[in-house]
N, C-alpha and C. Protein backbone atom coordinates (compact mmCIF):
# COMPACT_ATOMS: atom_id res chain seq x y z
N UNK A 1 168.03 -71.93 -7.71
CA UNK A 1 167.35 -70.57 -7.37
C UNK A 1 167.37 -69.18 -8.24
N UNK A 2 166.24 -69.53 -9.13
CA UNK A 2 166.03 -68.30 -10.59
C UNK A 2 167.31 -67.18 -9.22
N UNK A 3 167.79 -66.24 -9.44
CA UNK A 3 168.16 -64.91 -8.47
C UNK A 3 167.93 -63.87 -8.84
N UNK A 4 166.61 -63.65 -9.46
CA UNK A 4 165.82 -62.04 -9.58
C UNK A 4 165.11 -62.92 -7.97
N UNK A 5 164.24 -63.25 -7.96
CA UNK A 5 163.36 -64.17 -7.16
C UNK A 5 163.89 -63.67 -5.64
N UNK A 6 165.72 -64.17 -6.43
CA UNK A 6 166.80 -64.51 -4.46
C UNK A 6 167.22 -63.31 -4.58
N UNK A 7 166.76 -62.34 -5.12
CA UNK A 7 167.51 -60.80 -5.04
C UNK A 7 166.15 -59.60 -4.27
N UNK A 8 164.98 -60.30 -4.82
CA UNK A 8 163.68 -59.84 -4.21
C UNK A 8 163.19 -60.25 -2.80
N UNK A 9 163.92 -60.85 -2.74
CA UNK A 9 163.71 -62.13 -1.28
C UNK A 9 164.00 -60.72 -0.08
N UNK A 10 165.60 -60.86 -0.67
CA UNK A 10 166.23 -60.27 0.23
C UNK A 10 165.55 -59.22 0.43
N UNK A 11 165.51 -57.81 -0.65
CA UNK A 11 165.26 -56.61 -0.58
C UNK A 11 164.49 -56.43 -0.15
N UNK A 12 162.99 -57.71 0.17
CA UNK A 12 161.77 -57.22 1.27
C UNK A 12 162.47 -57.71 2.89
N UNK A 13 163.68 -58.39 3.01
CA UNK A 13 163.71 -58.91 3.79
C UNK A 13 164.50 -57.67 4.86
N UNK A 14 165.20 -56.77 3.40
CA UNK A 14 165.87 -55.64 4.74
C UNK A 14 164.94 -54.62 4.09
N UNK A 15 164.14 -53.91 3.54
CA UNK A 15 162.93 -53.83 4.35
C UNK A 15 162.45 -53.37 4.99
N UNK A 16 161.96 -54.38 5.56
CA UNK A 16 160.62 -55.45 6.63
C UNK A 16 161.76 -55.09 7.62
N UNK A 17 162.82 -55.13 7.89
CA UNK A 17 164.37 -55.08 9.33
C UNK A 17 163.80 -53.63 9.35
N UNK A 18 163.90 -52.31 8.21
CA UNK A 18 163.51 -51.09 8.58
C UNK A 18 162.30 -50.88 8.94
N UNK A 19 161.48 -50.97 8.97
CA UNK A 19 159.52 -51.16 8.92
C UNK A 19 159.48 -51.02 10.98
N UNK A 20 158.57 -49.84 10.66
CA UNK A 20 158.37 -49.69 12.17
C UNK A 20 156.97 -48.85 11.92
N UNK A 21 156.27 -49.12 11.61
CA UNK A 21 154.23 -49.61 10.95
C UNK A 21 153.62 -50.38 12.01
N UNK A 22 153.22 -50.59 12.14
CA UNK A 22 152.69 -52.26 13.05
C UNK A 22 151.52 -52.34 12.08
N UNK A 23 151.04 -51.43 11.68
CA UNK A 23 150.01 -51.43 10.70
C UNK A 23 150.37 -52.57 9.49
N UNK A 24 151.50 -52.06 9.02
CA UNK A 24 152.18 -53.19 7.87
C UNK A 24 152.27 -53.56 8.56
N UNK A 25 152.77 -53.88 9.44
CA UNK A 25 153.18 -55.21 10.14
C UNK A 25 152.34 -56.47 10.04
N UNK A 26 151.18 -56.40 11.09
CA UNK A 26 150.27 -56.74 11.05
C UNK A 26 149.16 -57.08 9.90
N UNK A 27 149.48 -56.66 8.57
CA UNK A 27 149.19 -57.13 7.28
C UNK A 27 149.90 -57.49 6.97
N UNK A 28 151.04 -57.79 7.01
CA UNK A 28 151.75 -59.08 5.88
C UNK A 28 151.85 -59.96 7.43
N UNK A 29 151.79 -59.83 8.38
CA UNK A 29 151.52 -60.80 9.29
C UNK A 29 150.58 -62.00 9.06
N UNK A 30 148.91 -61.41 8.70
CA UNK A 30 147.72 -62.19 8.34
C UNK A 30 147.83 -62.43 6.37
N UNK A 31 148.76 -61.62 5.74
CA UNK A 31 148.91 -62.57 5.05
C UNK A 31 149.58 -63.80 5.15
N UNK A 32 150.84 -63.43 5.27
CA UNK A 32 151.60 -65.34 5.53
C UNK A 32 150.93 -66.12 6.39
N UNK A 33 149.18 -65.80 6.91
CA UNK A 33 148.91 -67.16 7.76
C UNK A 33 147.63 -67.45 6.44
N UNK A 34 147.01 -66.48 5.33
CA UNK A 34 146.50 -67.12 4.85
C UNK A 34 147.47 -67.49 4.07
N UNK A 35 148.25 -67.62 3.77
CA UNK A 35 149.46 -68.54 2.52
C UNK A 35 149.06 -69.95 2.87
N UNK A 36 149.22 -69.83 4.36
CA UNK A 36 148.99 -70.88 4.85
C UNK A 36 148.26 -72.07 4.83
N UNK A 37 148.30 -73.66 3.72
CA UNK A 37 146.86 -74.05 3.40
C UNK A 37 147.93 -75.96 3.88
N UNK A 38 147.19 -75.84 4.44
CA UNK A 38 146.72 -77.37 5.03
C UNK A 38 146.57 -78.07 3.06
N UNK A 39 147.98 -79.09 2.76
CA UNK A 39 147.92 -80.07 1.27
C UNK A 39 146.79 -81.01 1.53
N UNK A 40 146.35 -80.94 2.72
CA UNK A 40 145.94 -81.96 1.80
C UNK A 40 144.13 -81.93 2.49
N UNK A 41 144.29 -80.64 2.84
CA UNK A 41 142.78 -80.63 2.73
C UNK A 41 142.58 -79.90 1.12
N UNK A 42 143.68 -79.94 0.30
CA UNK A 42 143.82 -79.62 -1.12
C UNK A 42 143.86 -80.57 -1.92
N UNK A 43 143.81 -82.26 -1.65
CA UNK A 43 144.25 -83.12 -2.48
C UNK A 43 142.96 -84.12 -2.70
N UNK A 44 142.71 -84.19 -3.52
CA UNK A 44 141.50 -85.16 -3.64
C UNK A 44 141.67 -86.44 -3.21
N UNK A 45 140.25 -87.50 -2.68
CA UNK A 45 140.06 -88.43 -2.36
C UNK A 45 140.81 -89.16 -2.66
N UNK A 46 140.88 -89.58 -3.92
CA UNK A 46 141.51 -90.49 -4.38
C UNK A 46 143.35 -89.86 -3.70
N UNK A 47 143.28 -89.20 -4.18
CA UNK A 47 145.44 -88.70 -3.54
C UNK A 47 144.94 -89.15 -2.29
N UNK A 48 143.95 -89.14 -1.02
CA UNK A 48 144.50 -89.35 -0.05
C UNK A 48 144.75 -90.93 0.38
N UNK A 49 143.54 -91.24 0.02
CA UNK A 49 142.85 -92.62 -0.37
C UNK A 49 144.72 -93.34 -0.88
N UNK A 50 145.44 -93.60 -1.62
CA UNK A 50 146.89 -93.40 -2.26
C UNK A 50 147.86 -93.53 -1.01
N UNK A 51 147.62 -92.12 -0.27
CA UNK A 51 148.90 -92.21 0.32
C UNK A 51 148.12 -93.12 2.31
N UNK A 52 146.98 -93.01 2.16
CA UNK A 52 147.00 -94.32 3.60
C UNK A 52 147.09 -95.09 3.19
N UNK A 53 147.01 -95.85 1.37
CA UNK A 53 146.88 -97.09 1.08
C UNK A 53 149.21 -97.31 1.73
N UNK A 54 149.66 -96.68 0.65
CA UNK A 54 150.99 -96.20 1.19
C UNK A 54 151.99 -96.43 2.31
N UNK A 55 151.06 -95.64 3.58
CA UNK A 55 151.49 -95.85 4.86
C UNK A 55 151.25 -97.25 5.49
N UNK A 56 149.60 -97.74 5.48
CA UNK A 56 149.57 -99.00 5.58
C UNK A 56 149.88 -100.67 5.05
N UNK A 57 151.28 -100.03 3.90
CA UNK A 57 151.59 -100.84 3.59
C UNK A 57 152.99 -100.69 3.43
N UNK A 58 153.90 -99.70 4.72
CA UNK A 58 154.96 -99.03 5.11
C UNK A 58 154.36 -100.03 6.20
N UNK A 59 153.29 -99.71 6.66
CA UNK A 59 153.59 -100.06 8.78
C UNK A 59 153.65 -101.55 8.55
N UNK A 60 152.90 -102.22 7.38
CA UNK A 60 153.09 -104.02 7.68
C UNK A 60 154.10 -104.07 7.43
N UNK A 61 155.20 -103.24 6.41
CA UNK A 61 156.92 -104.19 5.42
C UNK A 61 156.39 -104.32 4.53
N UNK A 62 155.25 -104.33 4.07
CA UNK A 62 155.62 -103.97 2.14
C UNK A 62 155.85 -102.99 1.33
N UNK A 63 157.50 -103.17 1.84
CA UNK A 63 158.31 -102.11 1.41
C UNK A 63 158.90 -102.64 -0.24
N UNK A 64 159.41 -101.81 -1.17
CA UNK A 64 160.27 -101.78 -2.12
C UNK A 64 162.13 -101.14 -1.52
N UNK A 65 163.10 -101.26 -1.80
CA UNK A 65 163.95 -100.80 -2.16
C UNK A 65 163.89 -99.84 -2.73
N UNK A 66 165.19 -98.87 -2.53
CA UNK A 66 165.17 -97.09 -3.80
C UNK A 66 165.72 -98.03 -5.10
N UNK A 67 166.70 -99.29 -4.34
CA UNK A 67 166.97 -99.23 -6.09
C UNK A 67 165.80 -100.64 -7.26
N UNK A 68 165.03 -101.04 -7.05
CA UNK A 68 163.57 -101.86 -7.17
C UNK A 68 162.70 -100.72 -7.73
N UNK A 69 162.26 -99.70 -6.65
CA UNK A 69 161.67 -98.73 -7.17
C UNK A 69 161.86 -98.14 -8.78
N UNK A 70 163.63 -97.76 -8.83
CA UNK A 70 163.84 -96.95 -9.11
C UNK A 70 164.00 -97.43 -10.70
N UNK A 71 163.68 -99.35 -10.67
CA UNK A 71 164.55 -99.53 -11.74
C UNK A 71 162.75 -100.15 -12.40
N UNK A 72 161.45 -99.84 -11.58
CA UNK A 72 160.62 -100.15 -11.83
C UNK A 72 160.00 -98.85 -12.27
N UNK A 73 160.50 -97.48 -11.63
CA UNK A 73 159.65 -96.04 -12.41
C UNK A 73 160.54 -95.64 -13.17
N UNK A 74 161.99 -95.80 -13.28
CA UNK A 74 162.82 -95.46 -14.25
C UNK A 74 162.45 -94.41 -15.43
N UNK A 75 161.18 -95.14 -15.82
CA UNK A 75 161.45 -94.26 -17.51
C UNK A 75 160.52 -93.23 -17.23
N UNK A 76 159.39 -92.61 -15.89
CA UNK A 76 159.10 -91.60 -15.43
C UNK A 76 160.18 -90.57 -14.60
N UNK A 77 161.26 -91.24 -14.49
CA UNK A 77 161.79 -90.09 -13.30
C UNK A 77 163.41 -89.88 -14.48
């Protein structure tokens, strides 16, 4: 992780730990809630269909070993 980003996180944690203003804390909590998104709602129908097919295949035992998958997809890894 980027050291600058890590430092900013630590700075925010320290600031937040000393914060006593309830309204600011509530605003931060609302921001946090608004940032929570369900990735399932964000992906395309094709992606959902592919994931669902993968789950069906796994449930029915149609699986490949990790080494087989690496061989098949090694040019993209």
